[in-house]
Protein backbone atom coordinates (compact mmCIF):
# COMPACT_ATOMS: atom_id res chain seq x y z
CA MET A 1 75.32 2.17 108.81
CA SER A 2 78.50 0.36 107.77
CA PHE A 3 79.71 -3.20 107.36
CA ARG A 4 82.93 -5.15 107.13
CA ILE A 5 82.92 -8.08 104.73
CA LYS A 6 84.88 -10.96 106.28
CA ILE A 7 86.95 -12.95 103.82
CA TYR A 8 89.11 -16.01 104.38
CA PHE A 9 92.12 -15.99 102.05
CA ALA A 10 93.25 -19.64 101.99
CA SER A 11 96.97 -20.16 101.48
CA GLY A 12 100.00 -21.95 102.84
CA LYS A 13 103.59 -20.81 103.09
CA LYS A 14 104.23 -21.47 99.42
CA GLU A 15 101.23 -19.41 98.43
CA TYR A 16 101.89 -16.47 100.77
CA ALA A 17 102.94 -14.17 97.92
CA GLN A 18 99.87 -15.14 95.93
CA LYS A 19 97.72 -14.51 99.00
CA LYS A 20 98.99 -10.94 99.12
CA GLN A 21 98.17 -10.62 95.44
CA CYS A 22 94.63 -11.85 96.09
CA ILE A 23 94.14 -9.30 98.88
CA GLU A 24 95.37 -6.50 96.59
CA ILE A 25 93.08 -7.64 93.79
CA PHE A 26 89.99 -7.72 96.02
CA ASN A 27 90.80 -4.37 97.61
CA GLU A 28 91.13 -2.92 94.11
CA ILE A 29 87.72 -4.34 93.15
CA LEU A 30 86.12 -2.95 96.30
CA ASP A 31 87.62 0.50 95.74
CA TYR A 32 86.31 0.41 92.18
CA LEU A 33 82.79 -0.59 93.27
CA ARG A 34 82.69 2.04 95.99
CA GLY A 35 83.91 4.71 93.58
CA GLN A 36 81.50 3.72 90.80
CA SER A 37 78.50 3.48 93.06
CA ASN A 38 78.75 7.12 94.20
CA LYS A 39 77.19 6.66 97.65
CA GLU A 40 75.21 3.65 96.46
CA GLU A 41 74.98 0.26 98.17
CA PHE A 42 78.72 -0.53 98.26
CA SER A 43 79.60 2.68 100.07
CA VAL A 44 78.41 1.05 103.31
CA ILE A 45 81.33 -1.42 103.14
CA GLU A 46 84.20 0.00 105.14
CA LYS A 47 86.82 -2.56 104.19
CA PHE A 48 87.38 -6.18 103.48
CA GLU A 49 88.54 -7.93 106.64
CA GLU A 50 90.87 -10.93 106.47
CA ILE A 51 90.07 -13.63 109.05
CA SER A 52 91.76 -16.89 110.07
CA ASN A 53 88.67 -19.09 110.53
CA PRO A 54 86.94 -19.98 107.23
CA CYS A 55 83.74 -21.00 109.07
CA GLN A 56 83.25 -17.37 110.14
CA ALA A 57 83.86 -15.95 106.66
CA ASP A 58 81.28 -14.31 104.43
CA PHE A 59 83.11 -15.98 101.58
CA ALA A 60 86.51 -17.52 100.87
CA VAL A 61 89.17 -17.01 98.23
CA GLY A 62 91.77 -19.67 97.67
CA PHE A 63 93.68 -22.17 95.62
CA PRO A 64 92.40 -25.72 95.16
CA THR A 65 95.23 -27.48 96.96
CA ILE A 66 94.78 -25.44 100.15
CA LEU A 67 91.00 -25.66 100.06
CA ASN A 68 91.22 -29.45 99.90
CA GLU A 69 93.49 -29.51 102.95
CA LEU A 70 91.11 -27.56 105.19
CA ASN A 71 89.55 -29.70 107.88
CA ILE A 72 86.27 -27.86 108.41
CA SER A 73 82.61 -28.79 108.74
CA PRO A 74 80.64 -25.60 108.25
CA GLU A 75 76.92 -25.41 109.01
CA ARG A 76 76.37 -24.37 105.43
CA PRO A 77 78.51 -24.46 102.28
CA ILE A 78 81.04 -21.63 102.12
CA SER A 79 80.88 -19.39 99.05
CA VAL A 80 84.23 -19.68 97.29
CA ILE A 81 86.03 -17.90 94.49
CA MET A 82 88.82 -20.21 93.39
CA PHE A 83 92.07 -19.26 91.69
CA LEU A 84 94.33 -21.55 89.68
CA SER A 85 97.85 -20.96 90.92
CA HIS A 86 99.60 -22.11 87.75
CA ASN A 87 96.73 -21.91 85.28
CA GLU A 88 96.39 -25.70 85.61
CA TRP A 89 93.16 -27.63 85.99
CA GLY A 90 93.92 -30.84 87.82
CA ASP A 91 92.36 -33.37 90.17
CA ASP A 92 92.59 -30.89 93.05
CA VAL A 93 90.19 -28.58 91.20
CA ASN A 94 87.72 -31.39 90.63
CA GLN A 95 87.88 -32.34 94.32
CA VAL A 96 86.91 -28.80 95.36
CA LEU A 97 84.07 -28.76 92.83
CA GLN A 98 82.71 -32.04 94.22
CA SER A 99 83.04 -31.07 97.89
CA PRO A 100 79.73 -30.35 99.67
CA ARG A 101 81.61 -27.86 101.87
CA TYR A 102 82.03 -25.31 99.07
CA ASP A 103 79.64 -23.29 96.92
CA ILE A 104 81.84 -22.37 93.96
CA TRP A 105 81.03 -18.97 92.46
CA GLY A 106 83.83 -18.82 89.93
CA ILE A 107 87.24 -20.14 88.88
CA PHE A 108 89.92 -17.73 87.62
CA ARG A 109 93.56 -17.73 86.64
CA ILE A 110 95.51 -15.68 89.19
CA SER A 111 98.12 -14.77 86.57
CA LYS A 112 95.44 -13.05 84.45
CA MET A 113 94.32 -10.86 87.38
CA LEU A 114 97.69 -9.14 87.89
CA HIS A 115 98.37 -5.74 86.38
CA GLU A 116 101.37 -6.81 84.32
CA ASN A 117 99.44 -9.57 82.54
CA ARG A 118 95.80 -8.71 83.20
CA ASP A 119 93.09 -10.07 80.95
CA PRO A 120 90.46 -7.27 80.88
CA GLU A 121 87.61 -9.65 80.03
CA GLU A 122 88.48 -12.14 82.80
CA PHE A 123 89.05 -9.36 85.36
CA GLY A 124 85.73 -7.80 84.38
CA THR A 125 83.99 -11.13 84.91
CA LEU A 126 85.53 -11.41 88.38
CA THR A 127 84.47 -7.85 89.24
CA ALA A 128 80.88 -8.54 88.16
CA LEU A 129 80.82 -11.75 90.20
CA VAL A 130 82.14 -10.04 93.34
CA LYS A 131 79.56 -7.29 92.83
CA LYS A 132 76.77 -9.88 92.75
CA LEU A 133 78.12 -11.71 95.80
CA LEU A 134 78.49 -8.51 97.83
CA ARG A 135 74.92 -7.49 97.06
CA ARG A 136 73.67 -10.82 98.37
CA LEU A 137 75.77 -10.48 101.53
CA LEU A 138 74.59 -6.94 102.23
CA ARG A 139 71.00 -8.05 101.79
CA SER A 140 71.55 -10.81 104.37
CA LYS A 141 72.83 -8.20 106.85
CA GLY A 142 69.46 -6.47 107.07
CA LEU A 143 69.38 -3.89 104.29
CA HIS A 144 66.02 -3.37 102.56
CA GLU A 145 65.15 -3.29 98.86
CA GLU A 146 65.11 0.52 98.86
CA ASP A 147 68.70 0.47 100.13
CA PHE A 148 69.73 -1.30 96.92
CA SER A 149 68.61 1.35 94.48
CA LYS A 150 69.99 3.74 91.93
CA PRO A 151 68.99 7.23 90.81
CA ILE A 152 66.91 7.11 87.65
CA GLU A 153 69.68 8.80 85.65
CA TRP A 154 72.28 6.18 86.66
CA LYS A 155 72.91 5.10 83.04
CA ALA A 156 72.68 8.47 81.31
CA LYS A 157 71.17 11.85 82.07
CA VAL A 158 68.66 13.13 79.51
CA ALA A 159 69.39 16.75 78.68
CA ASN A 160 66.62 17.22 76.11
CA GLN A 161 63.05 15.98 76.51
CA ASN A 162 62.66 15.95 72.72
CA ILE A 163 65.04 13.01 72.51
CA SER A 164 63.27 9.66 72.30
CA SER A 165 64.70 7.05 74.66
CA GLY A 166 63.45 4.28 72.39
CA PHE A 167 65.29 5.64 69.37
CA ILE A 168 68.51 6.18 71.34
CA SER A 169 68.39 2.51 72.18
CA LEU A 170 67.91 1.45 68.56
CA LEU A 171 71.13 3.19 67.56
CA SER A 172 73.31 2.51 70.61
CA GLU A 173 72.65 -1.02 71.84
CA PRO A 174 74.96 -3.86 70.66
CA ALA A 175 72.03 -6.05 69.59
CA THR A 176 70.85 -3.35 67.18
CA GLN A 177 74.21 -2.20 65.80
CA ARG A 178 73.66 -4.12 62.56
CA LEU A 179 70.20 -2.57 62.28
CA ALA A 180 71.67 0.88 62.89
CA ARG A 181 74.22 0.41 60.12
CA LYS A 182 71.59 -0.79 57.62
CA TYR A 183 69.31 2.08 58.60
CA LYS A 184 72.01 4.71 58.10
CA ASP A 185 73.06 3.19 54.78
CA ALA A 186 69.41 3.34 53.71
CA LEU A 187 69.16 7.03 54.65
CA LEU A 188 72.30 7.85 52.67
CA ASP A 189 70.84 6.05 49.67
CA LEU A 190 67.43 7.73 49.97
CA GLN A 191 69.06 11.15 50.23
CA LYS A 192 70.47 10.66 46.73
CA ALA A 193 66.97 11.19 45.36
CA GLY A 194 67.61 14.90 45.93
CA PHE A 195 64.10 16.16 46.65
CA GLY A 196 65.51 18.80 48.99
CA ASP A 197 65.48 21.71 46.57
CA PHE A 198 61.89 21.01 45.48
CA TYR A 199 60.80 20.51 49.08
CA GLU A 200 62.25 23.91 50.06
CA LYS A 201 60.80 25.82 47.07
CA LYS A 202 57.42 24.08 46.88
CA ALA A 203 54.54 26.52 46.64
CA ALA A 204 51.67 26.66 49.11
CA LYS A 205 49.04 23.95 48.86
CA HIS A 206 46.73 24.34 45.91
CA THR A 207 42.96 23.99 45.83
CA LEU A 208 42.67 22.36 42.40
CA LEU A 209 44.25 19.16 41.17
CA SER A 210 45.06 20.91 37.88
CA GLU A 211 47.27 23.34 39.83
CA TYR A 212 49.12 20.46 41.49
CA GLN A 213 49.46 18.80 38.09
CA SER A 214 50.92 21.92 36.52
CA GLU A 215 53.49 22.52 39.27
CA LEU A 216 54.60 18.94 39.82
CA ASN A 217 54.74 17.85 36.19
CA SER A 218 56.56 21.04 35.22
CA TYR A 219 59.25 20.58 37.87
CA PHE A 220 59.81 16.84 37.64
CA THR A 221 59.67 16.73 33.85
CA LYS A 222 62.59 19.16 33.82
CA ALA A 223 64.42 17.06 36.41
CA PRO A 224 64.24 13.55 34.91
CA SER A 225 66.76 12.16 37.41
CA LYS A 226 64.22 12.77 40.17
CA LYS A 227 61.32 10.88 38.67
CA GLY A 228 60.73 7.31 37.63
CA HIS A 229 61.60 5.75 40.99
CA VAL A 230 60.23 6.11 44.50
CA PRO A 231 63.01 5.99 47.15
CA SER A 232 61.58 3.65 49.75
CA MET A 233 62.14 1.78 53.01
CA LEU A 234 60.11 -1.02 54.61
CA ILE A 235 60.38 -1.40 58.40
CA LEU A 236 59.45 -4.75 59.94
CA GLY A 237 58.97 -5.56 63.60
CA GLU A 238 56.55 -6.55 66.31
CA THR A 239 54.03 -4.12 67.79
CA GLY A 240 55.67 -1.51 70.02
CA CYS A 241 59.28 -2.17 69.00
CA GLY A 242 59.94 1.29 67.52
CA LYS A 243 58.88 1.25 63.85
CA SER A 244 57.19 4.66 64.08
CA LEU A 245 60.20 6.08 65.92
CA LEU A 246 62.50 4.99 63.12
CA ALA A 247 60.20 6.47 60.46
CA LYS A 248 59.94 9.82 62.28
CA MET A 249 63.70 10.08 62.73
CA ALA A 250 64.23 9.22 59.06
CA ALA A 251 61.88 12.10 58.15
CA GLN A 252 63.96 14.51 60.24
CA VAL A 253 67.04 13.52 58.24
CA LEU A 254 65.42 13.49 54.79
CA THR A 255 63.24 16.59 55.26
CA PRO A 256 64.68 18.62 58.18
CA GLY A 257 62.09 20.52 60.19
CA LYS A 258 59.19 18.63 58.62
CA GLN A 259 57.34 15.74 60.24
CA CYS A 260 56.45 12.73 58.10
CA THR A 261 52.85 12.42 56.94
CA ARG A 262 51.48 9.23 58.53
CA LEU A 263 48.57 7.09 57.37
CA ASN A 264 47.61 4.14 59.57
CA ILE A 265 46.24 1.64 57.05
CA SER A 266 44.55 -0.54 59.69
CA ALA A 267 42.49 2.36 61.08
CA TYR A 268 40.46 3.18 57.94
CA THR A 269 38.26 1.52 55.36
CA GLN A 270 39.93 0.54 52.09
CA ASN A 271 37.87 3.02 50.03
CA PHE A 272 38.96 5.82 52.33
CA ILE A 273 42.59 4.72 52.05
CA ASP A 274 42.43 4.74 48.24
CA THR A 275 41.10 8.30 48.11
CA THR A 276 43.34 9.49 50.93
CA LEU A 277 46.46 8.17 49.20
CA PHE A 278 45.76 8.79 45.52
CA GLY A 279 43.20 11.64 45.57
CA ALA A 280 39.96 12.26 43.68
CA LEU A 281 38.51 14.90 41.38
CA ASN A 282 35.55 17.01 42.48
CA GLY A 283 32.32 15.04 41.90
CA SER A 284 34.02 11.71 41.19
CA TYR A 285 31.90 10.15 43.92
CA THR A 286 28.82 11.18 45.90
CA GLY A 287 29.54 13.73 48.59
CA LEU A 288 32.87 14.99 47.22
CA ASN A 289 32.42 18.69 46.43
CA ARG A 290 36.07 19.69 46.05
CA ASP A 291 39.28 18.37 44.56
CA ASP A 292 41.14 16.04 46.95
CA PRO A 293 44.85 15.80 46.01
CA GLY A 294 45.53 12.81 48.27
CA ILE A 295 48.59 12.38 50.44
CA LEU A 296 51.07 11.42 47.71
CA ILE A 297 50.37 14.48 45.56
CA ALA A 298 49.94 16.99 48.42
CA HIS A 299 53.19 15.86 50.01
CA ALA A 300 55.39 15.33 46.95
CA GLY A 301 59.06 15.62 47.86
CA GLU A 302 58.32 14.82 51.50
CA VAL A 303 58.24 11.66 53.61
CA VAL A 304 55.02 9.65 53.54
CA PHE A 305 54.77 6.95 56.21
CA LEU A 306 52.32 4.10 55.56
CA ASP A 307 51.95 2.38 58.91
CA GLU A 308 50.57 -1.19 59.09
CA ILE A 309 50.88 -1.56 55.34
CA GLY A 310 50.38 -5.31 55.76
CA ASP A 311 46.65 -4.60 56.22
CA MET A 312 46.26 -2.94 52.81
CA ASP A 313 43.80 -4.72 50.48
CA ALA A 314 44.73 -6.14 47.08
CA ALA A 315 43.31 -3.26 44.99
CA CYS A 316 45.24 -0.60 46.90
CA GLN A 317 48.36 -2.75 46.77
CA THR A 318 48.11 -2.85 42.98
CA ARG A 319 47.82 0.94 42.72
CA LEU A 320 50.72 1.41 45.14
CA LEU A 321 52.88 -1.01 43.16
CA THR A 322 52.22 0.99 39.97
CA TYR A 323 53.09 4.22 41.77
CA MET A 324 56.38 2.79 43.07
CA ASP A 325 57.30 1.88 39.47
CA ASP A 326 57.01 5.32 37.91
CA CYS A 327 56.10 7.90 40.62
CA ARG A 328 52.87 8.69 38.81
CA VAL A 329 49.49 9.12 40.49
CA ARG A 330 46.10 9.20 38.76
CA PRO A 331 43.43 10.54 41.13
CA ARG A 332 39.92 9.11 40.75
CA GLY A 333 38.06 10.94 38.00
CA MET A 334 41.18 12.30 36.22
CA LEU A 335 42.34 11.19 32.78
CA ASP A 336 45.98 12.20 33.16
CA ASP A 337 48.72 11.23 35.59
CA ILE A 338 50.51 13.54 38.00
CA ILE A 339 54.20 12.99 38.74
CA ALA A 340 54.47 13.04 42.54
CA PRO A 341 57.57 11.29 43.91
CA CYS A 342 57.84 10.97 47.69
CA TYR A 343 60.17 9.33 50.14
CA LEU A 344 58.00 6.30 50.91
CA ILE A 345 58.46 4.60 54.29
CA ALA A 346 56.19 1.72 55.23
CA ALA A 347 55.94 -0.49 58.30
CA THR A 348 54.15 -3.66 59.33
CA ASN A 349 54.09 -6.12 62.20
CA LYS A 350 52.92 -8.91 59.88
CA ASP A 351 55.14 -11.79 58.76
CA ILE A 352 55.26 -10.88 55.09
CA ASP A 353 57.22 -14.02 54.21
CA LYS A 354 54.42 -16.40 55.18
CA GLU A 355 52.54 -18.03 52.33
CA SER A 356 49.32 -17.08 54.10
CA SER A 357 50.26 -13.39 54.03
CA LEU A 358 47.97 -11.19 51.92
CA PHE A 359 50.81 -8.77 51.30
CA ARG A 360 52.05 -9.03 47.71
CA GLN A 361 55.64 -10.15 47.38
CA ASP A 362 56.17 -8.00 44.29
CA ILE A 363 55.54 -4.92 46.43
CA VAL A 364 58.06 -6.18 49.00
CA HIS A 365 60.58 -6.47 46.19
CA ARG A 366 59.93 -2.85 45.14
CA PHE A 367 61.30 -1.48 48.40
CA ASP A 368 64.91 -0.33 48.19
CA HIS A 369 65.66 -1.21 51.81
CA ILE A 370 64.10 -3.56 54.34
CA ILE A 371 64.92 -2.91 57.99
CA LYS A 372 63.91 -5.40 60.68
CA ILE A 373 63.81 -4.22 64.31
CA PRO A 374 64.47 -6.96 66.89
CA PRO A 375 61.97 -7.32 69.77
CA LEU A 376 62.85 -6.01 73.21
CA ARG A 377 63.29 -9.56 74.57
CA ASP A 378 66.32 -9.88 72.27
CA ARG A 379 67.81 -6.60 73.51
CA LYS A 380 68.01 -7.27 77.25
CA ASP A 381 71.58 -5.95 77.51
CA ASP A 382 70.16 -2.52 76.78
CA LEU A 383 67.24 -2.74 79.21
CA PRO A 384 68.93 -0.79 82.07
CA LEU A 385 69.66 2.08 79.66
CA LEU A 386 66.08 2.03 78.38
CA VAL A 387 64.68 2.03 81.92
CA SER A 388 66.94 4.91 82.94
CA LEU A 389 66.03 7.04 79.92
CA THR A 390 62.31 6.22 80.08
CA LEU A 391 62.07 7.21 83.75
CA GLN A 392 63.40 10.63 82.77
CA ASN A 393 60.54 11.10 80.30
CA ASP A 394 58.02 13.65 81.59
CA ASP A 395 55.18 11.61 80.09
CA VAL A 396 56.19 8.63 82.25
CA ASN A 397 57.61 10.28 85.35
CA PRO A 398 56.28 13.87 85.59
CA ARG A 399 58.15 16.58 87.44
CA ARG A 400 56.94 18.15 90.67
CA GLY A 401 58.74 21.46 90.58
CA GLU A 402 62.46 20.71 90.45
CA SER A 403 62.13 17.04 91.41
CA ARG A 404 60.36 14.12 89.80
CA ARG A 405 57.62 11.94 91.21
CA VAL A 406 60.13 9.07 91.41
CA GLU A 407 63.87 9.65 91.84
CA ARG A 408 65.20 6.10 92.25
CA ILE A 409 64.62 2.48 91.21
CA SER A 410 65.69 -0.61 93.13
CA LEU A 411 68.08 -3.15 91.67
CA ASP A 412 65.49 -5.85 92.33
CA ALA A 413 62.95 -3.91 90.26
CA VAL A 414 65.43 -3.66 87.38
CA GLN A 415 66.08 -7.41 87.66
CA SER A 416 62.34 -8.09 87.69
CA LEU A 417 61.99 -6.16 84.45
CA ASN A 418 64.95 -8.03 82.99
CA THR A 419 63.23 -11.40 83.48
CA TYR A 420 60.07 -10.27 81.65
CA ASN A 421 59.74 -10.87 77.89
CA PHE A 422 57.73 -7.73 77.01
CA PRO A 423 55.29 -9.02 74.36
CA GLY A 424 54.30 -5.36 73.84
CA ASN A 425 57.97 -4.33 73.51
CA PHE A 426 59.05 -0.74 74.24
CA ARG A 427 55.48 0.56 74.35
CA GLU A 428 54.70 -1.97 77.10
CA LEU A 429 57.87 -1.00 79.00
CA GLU A 430 56.66 2.62 79.03
CA PHE A 431 53.25 1.49 80.28
CA ILE A 432 54.72 -0.68 83.07
CA LEU A 433 57.05 2.09 84.26
CA ARG A 434 54.25 4.69 84.13
CA GLN A 435 52.11 2.47 86.36
CA ALA A 436 55.05 1.84 88.68
CA VAL A 437 55.65 5.58 89.05
CA ASN A 438 51.99 6.13 89.92
CA MET A 439 51.95 3.30 92.49
CA ALA A 440 55.15 4.49 94.18
CA PHE A 441 53.88 8.07 94.27
CA THR A 442 50.57 6.94 95.80
CA GLU A 443 52.55 5.18 98.57
CA GLY A 444 54.57 8.32 99.18
CA SER A 445 57.75 6.57 98.03
CA SER A 446 60.33 8.10 95.71
CA CYS A 447 61.74 4.67 94.80
CA ILE A 448 60.26 2.09 92.44
CA CYS A 449 60.41 -1.40 93.99
CA THR A 450 59.42 -4.86 92.79
CA ARG A 451 55.96 -4.47 94.34
CA HIS A 452 55.35 -1.61 91.91
CA ILE A 453 56.28 -3.65 88.82
CA VAL A 454 53.09 -5.22 87.47
CA THR A 455 53.39 -7.38 84.34
CA LYS A 456 51.12 -9.83 82.54
CA GLU A 457 53.11 -12.82 83.74
């Protein structure tokens, strides 16, 4: 299957040289699109074909003066890309814009398209516009949605399944570059706490709180620079936007080879959270028949991740605030403190700045760094990369031997995803793509199409 795209290059004798330039420019764009697509939709275009009758053209390229002189009455408006011959916007341009005969797709300065004086941004805009126009023309010539598709690795090929597509996006996408810089500055600052040597030499877990007390107090009393302040980071963002991803990656940097210890505040009762965080002595409450060191003491020198900290009650907030001031923990039933500094990372989807928020502002002010992750709806430029990487995740698109259940995704499906706001953010994107993979596989199709994209809207 192949097609010729018929173009009318409008020009008179005076514009003959510029007409040749236009033909060269469009041939260059076509060669680029065919080369970039790698046997994708534009490979079916054999060549642009110049014609003499504008009414028979797929679209027209011309200068305003010539377009105004054409005496034609097409059955439908002709799609036109207009060039300014001398970079001037005059009455002739306005006449073309007002004419019902023309559907203007774009206006460009011809001088900025030529190699010797090319404006990369303007030429890139023209290339993107021609790409969009050609896709519409090919669709009108009988190609199906599956014919306009790309392999799932079209943006980048994932070489390691341990790499998180969501985290790659947080560090690479233009909308999150400021976030990435703040995050990396925070990590550099937290690393100054220097818990690495203690983390590497720490003895095996003890059974008695007195043993923890002896080891921790002995070490940190001799290293006064490492006590008295909890290095901390607070991550803000909507549900599913990547807060846990950021915390886990921070743990890999701060304590290599060791996962962060995570406590989801919203999943437990407040009494359980208090004991789980700060510990309790044997017999301090009914049913406790052993010493419980709590997370902060048991994981001193490591990363402790308090997820959904915005749901913590006032009493626990007070104890946490005291801990962040001096790194000291007093388990329930004990008379003495234990020095147990950790890298403290917390996250919440709550608006902590609201007056109605139950989260204490003085705790917010204790955090060394506050990182806010933008929602996915504000990162649409990165959506194609996210889709490509997510579809290479075995949890979303499992392998069947050497191949995957789905190998391609249509451009229409990508566009459908791009128009959705994703209230559930990246987690919802994973869910939608997982369902799409299952639906396509059930049909016996290796390509995700718009009919497989099911959203809430």
